[in-house]
């Protein structure tokens, strides 16, 4: 998909959720990704992991799928935390240097290498989110669900929606921009 079309679709989707305008420059994109998506993901995982443990402890005997939900949630933490750290410490600073017109020779050679790693990790997270959606019957709590149970499923639904927006923004907007910037410098 071409960049202007991807941006307009993302902005249209974001407006529906009250999200901010999507910047078109590397600095603005990276700031949005970190401030909106990385912060949200970290905060939600910090909130959802103990909530999932609580719900599992209380309802696990009656609803065995909660064990799988807990396992998948821990796998998401194990995948997402180092992923975001690599972006913030390695890839994003390099992209910002490119945007500033500074040509450096990174240890990874070309921006294509870390982008390929990030894309692979995005696919892994996508697979985990599909498993999570299936395990929760598309985040539909059972009729007997208490407030905590319902809050867990709603939080998982919101986390998935945010991660999808986050990954789309990186894969279809930031990464192609980084490739173009590297080709110019």
C-alpha atoms as a PDB file:
ATOM      1  CA  UNK A   1       0.000   0.000   0.000  1.00  0.00           C
ATOM      2  CA  UNK A   2       1.372   3.419  -0.845  1.00  0.00           C
ATOM      3  CA  UNK A   3       2.313   5.765   2.018  1.00  0.00           C
ATOM      4  CA  UNK A   4      -0.378   8.486   1.517  1.00  0.00           C
ATOM      5  CA  UNK A   5      -3.135   5.822   1.381  1.00  0.00           C
ATOM      6  CA  UNK A   6      -1.763   4.002   4.444  1.00  0.00           C
ATOM      7  CA  UNK A   7      -1.594   7.275   6.371  1.00  0.00           C
ATOM      8  CA  UNK A   8      -5.120   8.309   5.445  1.00  0.00           C
ATOM      9  CA  UNK A   9      -6.530   4.906   6.465  1.00  0.00           C
ATOM     10  CA  UNK A  10      -4.636   5.019   9.744  1.00  0.00           C
ATOM     11  CA  UNK A  11      -5.762   8.575  10.450  1.00  0.00           C
ATOM     12  CA  UNK A  12      -9.368   7.655   9.673  1.00  0.00           C
ATOM     13  CA  UNK A  13      -9.170   4.704  12.045  1.00  0.00           C
ATOM     14  CA  UNK A  14      -7.431   6.784  14.709  1.00  0.00           C
ATOM     15  CA  UNK A  15     -10.023   9.582  14.560  1.00  0.00           C
ATOM     16  CA  UNK A  16     -12.712   7.022  15.354  1.00  0.00           C
ATOM     17  CA  UNK A  17     -10.953   6.250  18.646  1.00  0.00           C
ATOM     18  CA  UNK A  18     -10.020   9.825  19.472  1.00  0.00           C
ATOM     19  CA  UNK A  19      -6.380   9.208  18.561  1.00  0.00           C
ATOM     20  CA  UNK A  20      -4.051  12.029  17.581  1.00  0.00           C
ATOM     21  CA  UNK A  21      -3.136  13.039  14.041  1.00  0.00           C
ATOM     22  CA  UNK A  22      -0.481  10.773  12.500  1.00  0.00           C
ATOM     23  CA  UNK A  23       2.715  12.737  11.811  1.00  0.00           C
ATOM     24  CA  UNK A  24       4.477  12.251   8.495  1.00  0.00           C
ATOM     25  CA  UNK A  25       8.021  12.906   9.718  1.00  0.00           C
ATOM     26  CA  UNK A  26      10.285  10.367  11.442  1.00  0.00           C
ATOM     27  CA  UNK A  27      10.598  12.320  14.681  1.00  0.00           C
ATOM     28  CA  UNK A  28       6.837  12.781  15.029  1.00  0.00           C
ATOM     29  CA  UNK A  29       6.098   9.156  14.124  1.00  0.00           C
ATOM     30  CA  UNK A  30       8.617   7.813  16.627  1.00  0.00           C
ATOM     31  CA  UNK A  31       7.342  10.143  19.330  1.00  0.00           C
ATOM     32  CA  UNK A  32       3.761   8.967  18.683  1.00  0.00           C
ATOM     33  CA  UNK A  33       4.784   5.301  18.717  1.00  0.00           C
ATOM     34  CA  UNK A  34       6.665   5.631  21.998  1.00  0.00           C
ATOM     35  CA  UNK A  35       4.373   8.056  23.829  1.00  0.00           C
ATOM     36  CA  UNK A  36       1.088   6.514  22.769  1.00  0.00           C
ATOM     37  CA  UNK A  37       1.699   2.876  21.930  1.00  0.00           C
ATOM     38  CA  UNK A  38       4.761   1.788  23.917  1.00  0.00           C
ATOM     39  CA  UNK A  39       3.558   3.534  27.073  1.00  0.00           C
ATOM     40  CA  UNK A  40       0.044   2.091  26.655  1.00  0.00           C
ATOM     41  CA  UNK A  41       1.384  -1.424  26.037  1.00  0.00           C
ATOM     42  CA  UNK A  42       3.673  -1.356  29.067  1.00  0.00           C
ATOM     43  CA  UNK A  43       0.975   0.103  31.324  1.00  0.00           C
ATOM     44  CA  UNK A  44      -1.671  -2.353  30.143  1.00  0.00           C
ATOM     45  CA  UNK A  45       0.584  -5.378  30.496  1.00  0.00           C
ATOM     46  CA  UNK A  46       1.507  -4.230  34.008  1.00  0.00           C
ATOM     47  CA  UNK A  47      -2.211  -4.017  34.803  1.00  0.00           C
ATOM     48  CA  UNK A  48      -3.457  -7.091  32.932  1.00  0.00           C
ATOM     49  CA  UNK A  49      -0.930  -9.692  34.123  1.00  0.00           C
ATOM     50  CA  UNK A  50      -1.928  -9.476  37.814  1.00  0.00           C
ATOM     51  CA  UNK A  51      -5.595  -9.138  36.835  1.00  0.00           C
ATOM     52  CA  UNK A  52      -5.335 -12.328  34.767  1.00  0.00           C
ATOM     53  CA  UNK A  53      -3.722 -14.110  37.732  1.00  0.00           C
ATOM     54  CA  UNK A  54      -6.541 -12.968  40.002  1.00  0.00           C
ATOM     55  CA  UNK A  55      -9.261 -14.040  37.560  1.00  0.00           C
ATOM     56  CA  UNK A  56      -7.518 -17.393  37.000  1.00  0.00           C
ATOM     57  CA  UNK A  57      -7.260 -17.981  40.753  1.00  0.00           C
ATOM     58  CA  UNK A  58     -10.959 -17.225  41.307  1.00  0.00           C
ATOM     59  CA  UNK A  59     -12.517 -18.677  38.143  1.00  0.00           C
ATOM     60  CA  UNK A  60      -9.928 -21.102  36.746  1.00  0.00           C
ATOM     61  CA  UNK A  61     -11.706 -24.242  37.941  1.00  0.00           C
ATOM     62  CA  UNK A  62     -14.948 -23.188  36.279  1.00  0.00           C
ATOM     63  CA  UNK A  63     -13.330 -21.674  33.181  1.00  0.00           C
ATOM     64  CA  UNK A  64     -10.166 -23.663  32.263  1.00  0.00           C
ATOM     65  CA  UNK A  65      -9.412 -21.447  29.226  1.00  0.00           C
ATOM     66  CA  UNK A  66      -8.128 -18.853  31.702  1.00  0.00           C
ATOM     67  CA  UNK A  67      -4.952 -20.897  32.166  1.00  0.00           C
ATOM     68  CA  UNK A  68      -4.239 -20.567  28.446  1.00  0.00           C
ATOM     69  CA  UNK A  69      -5.059 -16.830  28.581  1.00  0.00           C
ATOM     70  CA  UNK A  70      -2.492 -16.417  31.364  1.00  0.00           C
ATOM     71  CA  UNK A  71       0.174 -18.372  29.468  1.00  0.00           C
ATOM     72  CA  UNK A  72      -0.387 -16.349  26.282  1.00  0.00           C
ATOM     73  CA  UNK A  73      -0.344 -13.075  28.209  1.00  0.00           C
ATOM     74  CA  UNK A  74       3.028 -13.991  29.739  1.00  0.00           C
ATOM     75  CA  UNK A  75       4.309 -14.907  26.263  1.00  0.00           C
ATOM     76  CA  UNK A  76       3.190 -11.478  25.021  1.00  0.00           C
ATOM     77  CA  UNK A  77       5.142  -9.817  27.829  1.00  0.00           C
ATOM     78  CA  UNK A  78       8.220 -11.897  26.970  1.00  0.00           C
ATOM     79  CA  UNK A  79       7.925 -10.904  23.304  1.00  0.00           C
ATOM     80  CA  UNK A  80       6.856  -7.261  23.548  1.00  0.00           C
ATOM     81  CA  UNK A  81       9.094  -5.893  26.303  1.00  0.00           C
ATOM     82  CA  UNK A  82      12.443  -6.683  24.635  1.00  0.00           C
ATOM     83  CA  UNK A  83      10.953  -5.804  21.237  1.00  0.00           C
ATOM     84  CA  UNK A  84      10.037  -2.272  22.324  1.00  0.00           C
ATOM     85  CA  UNK A  85      13.384  -1.906  24.084  1.00  0.00           C
ATOM     86  CA  UNK A  86      15.262  -2.776  20.861  1.00  0.00           C
ATOM     87  CA  UNK A  87      13.199  -0.272  18.926  1.00  0.00           C
ATOM     88  CA  UNK A  88      13.809   2.495  21.453  1.00  0.00           C
ATOM     89  CA  UNK A  89      17.531   1.834  21.976  1.00  0.00           C
ATOM     90  CA  UNK A  90      18.686   0.767  18.508  1.00  0.00           C
ATOM     91  CA  UNK A  91      16.298   1.210  15.595  1.00  0.00           C
ATOM     92  CA  UNK A  92      14.561   4.488  16.437  1.00  0.00           C
ATOM     93  CA  UNK A  93      17.784   6.393  17.249  1.00  0.00           C
ATOM     94  CA  UNK A  94      19.237   5.233  13.932  1.00  0.00           C
ATOM     95  CA  UNK A  95      16.129   6.369  12.050  1.00  0.00           C
ATOM     96  CA  UNK A  96      16.331   9.748  13.794  1.00  0.00           C
ATOM     97  CA  UNK A  97      19.957  10.091  12.692  1.00  0.00           C
ATOM     98  CA  UNK A  98      18.925   9.348   9.120  1.00  0.00           C
ATOM     99  CA  UNK A  99      16.131  11.919   9.335  1.00  0.00           C
ATOM    100  CA  UNK A 100      18.672  14.488  10.536  1.00  0.00           C
ATOM    101  CA  UNK A 101      20.834  13.725   7.497  1.00  0.00           C
ATOM    102  CA  UNK A 102      23.566  12.040   9.539  1.00  0.00           C
ATOM    103  CA  UNK A 103      25.098   9.040   7.817  1.00  0.00           C
ATOM    104  CA  UNK A 104      26.562   6.507  10.210  1.00  0.00           C
ATOM    105  CA  UNK A 105      27.531   2.913   9.628  1.00  0.00           C
ATOM    106  CA  UNK A 106      25.538   0.937  12.164  1.00  0.00           C
ATOM    107  CA  UNK A 107      26.694  -2.418  13.484  1.00  0.00           C
ATOM    108  CA  UNK A 108      23.692  -4.014  11.752  1.00  0.00           C
ATOM    109  CA  UNK A 109      24.762  -2.760   8.323  1.00  0.00           C
ATOM    110  CA  UNK A 110      21.515  -1.449   6.895  1.00  0.00           C
ATOM    111  CA  UNK A 111      18.113  -0.505   8.288  1.00  0.00           C
ATOM    112  CA  UNK A 112      16.657  -3.481   6.422  1.00  0.00           C
ATOM    113  CA  UNK A 113      18.131  -5.911   8.955  1.00  0.00           C
ATOM    114  CA  UNK A 114      16.492  -4.564  12.134  1.00  0.00           C
ATOM    115  CA  UNK A 115      13.287  -3.932  10.185  1.00  0.00           C
ATOM    116  CA  UNK A 116      13.244  -7.598   9.160  1.00  0.00           C
ATOM    117  CA  UNK A 117      13.699  -8.601  12.810  1.00  0.00           C
ATOM    118  CA  UNK A 118      10.931  -6.223  13.924  1.00  0.00           C
ATOM    119  CA  UNK A 119       8.590  -7.533  11.208  1.00  0.00           C
ATOM    120  CA  UNK A 120       9.271 -11.123  12.291  1.00  0.00           C
ATOM    121  CA  UNK A 121       8.559 -10.200  15.898  1.00  0.00           C
ATOM    122  CA  UNK A 122       5.376  -8.395  14.810  1.00  0.00           C
ATOM    123  CA  UNK A 123       4.250 -11.644  13.175  1.00  0.00           C
ATOM    124  CA  UNK A 124       4.974 -13.567  16.389  1.00  0.00           C
ATOM    125  CA  UNK A 125       2.935 -11.065  18.413  1.00  0.00           C
ATOM    126  CA  UNK A 126       0.132 -11.298  15.839  1.00  0.00           C
ATOM    127  CA  UNK A 127       0.045 -15.079  16.243  1.00  0.00           C
ATOM    128  CA  UNK A 128      -0.129 -14.715  20.034  1.00  0.00           C
ATOM    129  CA  UNK A 129      -2.960 -12.189  19.715  1.00  0.00           C
ATOM    130  CA  UNK A 130      -4.895 -14.592  17.460  1.00  0.00           C
ATOM    131  CA  UNK A 131      -4.424 -17.343  20.055  1.00  0.00           C
ATOM    132  CA  UNK A 132      -5.573 -14.977  22.785  1.00  0.00           C
ATOM    133  CA  UNK A 133      -8.646 -13.956  20.818  1.00  0.00           C
ATOM    134  CA  UNK A 134      -9.503 -17.613  20.176  1.00  0.00           C
ATOM    135  CA  UNK A 135      -8.940 -18.608  23.821  1.00  0.00           C
ATOM    136  CA  UNK A 136     -11.280 -15.843  24.986  1.00  0.00           C
ATOM    137  CA  UNK A 137     -13.880 -16.462  22.269  1.00  0.00           C
ATOM    138  CA  UNK A 138     -13.074 -13.039  20.798  1.00  0.00           C
ATOM    139  CA  UNK A 139     -12.956 -11.470  24.274  1.00  0.00           C
ATOM    140  CA  UNK A 140     -16.481 -12.556  25.168  1.00  0.00           C
ATOM    141  CA  UNK A 141     -16.711 -13.196  28.903  1.00  0.00           C
ATOM    142  CA  UNK A 142     -19.006 -16.002  30.055  1.00  0.00           C
ATOM    143  CA  UNK A 143     -22.397 -15.165  31.550  1.00  0.00           C
ATOM    144  CA  UNK A 144     -21.127 -15.795  35.096  1.00  0.00           C
ATOM    145  CA  UNK A 145     -18.173 -13.382  34.710  1.00  0.00           C
ATOM    146  CA  UNK A 146     -17.557 -10.949  37.552  1.00  0.00           C
ATOM    147  CA  UNK A 147     -16.399  -7.349  37.090  1.00  0.00           C
ATOM    148  CA  UNK A 148     -12.716  -8.351  37.187  1.00  0.00           C
ATOM    149  CA  UNK A 149     -13.257 -11.050  34.583  1.00  0.00           C
ATOM    150  CA  UNK A 150     -15.060  -8.568  32.314  1.00  0.00           C
ATOM    151  CA  UNK A 151     -12.357  -5.924  32.886  1.00  0.00           C
ATOM    152  CA  UNK A 152      -9.680  -8.450  31.920  1.00  0.00           C
ATOM    153  CA  UNK A 153     -11.356  -9.338  28.633  1.00  0.00           C
ATOM    154  CA  UNK A 154     -12.084  -5.696  27.806  1.00  0.00           C
ATOM    155  CA  UNK A 155      -8.458  -4.790  28.593  1.00  0.00           C
ATOM    156  CA  UNK A 156      -7.205  -7.599  26.365  1.00  0.00           C
ATOM    157  CA  UNK A 157      -9.485  -6.409  23.545  1.00  0.00           C
ATOM    158  CA  UNK A 158      -8.137  -2.845  23.884  1.00  0.00           C
ATOM    159  CA  UNK A 159      -4.549  -4.088  24.029  1.00  0.00           C
ATOM    160  CA  UNK A 160      -5.040  -6.051  20.815  1.00  0.00           C
ATOM    161  CA  UNK A 161      -6.590  -3.064  19.028  1.00  0.00           C
ATOM    162  CA  UNK A 162      -3.740  -0.800  20.101  1.00  0.00           C
ATOM    163  CA  UNK A 163      -1.072  -3.310  19.091  1.00  0.00           C
ATOM    164  CA  UNK A 164      -2.678  -3.671  15.663  1.00  0.00           C
ATOM    165  CA  UNK A 165      -2.607   0.105  15.181  1.00  0.00           C
ATOM    166  CA  UNK A 166       0.970   0.249  16.521  1.00  0.00           C
ATOM    167  CA  UNK A 167       2.219  -2.491  14.182  1.00  0.00           C
ATOM    168  CA  UNK A 168       0.426  -0.965  11.202  1.00  0.00           C
ATOM    169  CA  UNK A 169       2.038   2.404  11.913  1.00  0.00           C
ATOM    170  CA  UNK A 170       5.506   0.852  12.064  1.00  0.00           C
ATOM    171  CA  UNK A 171       5.219  -1.631   9.190  1.00  0.00           C
ATOM    172  CA  UNK A 172       3.374   0.584   6.723  1.00  0.00           C
ATOM    173  CA  UNK A 173       4.510   4.090   7.608  1.00  0.00           C
ATOM    174  CA  UNK A 174       7.702   4.318   9.690  1.00  0.00           C
ATOM    175  CA  UNK A 175       9.693   1.433   8.231  1.00  0.00           C
ATOM    176  CA  UNK A 176       9.161   2.432   4.575  1.00  0.00           C
ATOM    177  CA  UNK A 177      10.084   5.997   5.555  1.00  0.00           C
ATOM    178  CA  UNK A 178      13.288   4.720   7.197  1.00  0.00           C
ATOM    179  CA  UNK A 179      14.206   2.805   4.043  1.00  0.00           C
ATOM    180  CA  UNK A 180      13.724   5.934   1.932  1.00  0.00           C
ATOM    181  CA  UNK A 181      15.750   8.050   4.369  1.00  0.00           C
ATOM    182  CA  UNK A 182      18.629   5.574   4.355  1.00  0.00           C
ATOM    183  CA  UNK A 183      18.633   5.482   0.544  1.00  0.00           C
ATOM    184  CA  UNK A 184      18.913   9.300   0.464  1.00  0.00           C
ATOM    185  CA  UNK A 185      21.686   9.769   3.025  1.00  0.00           C
END
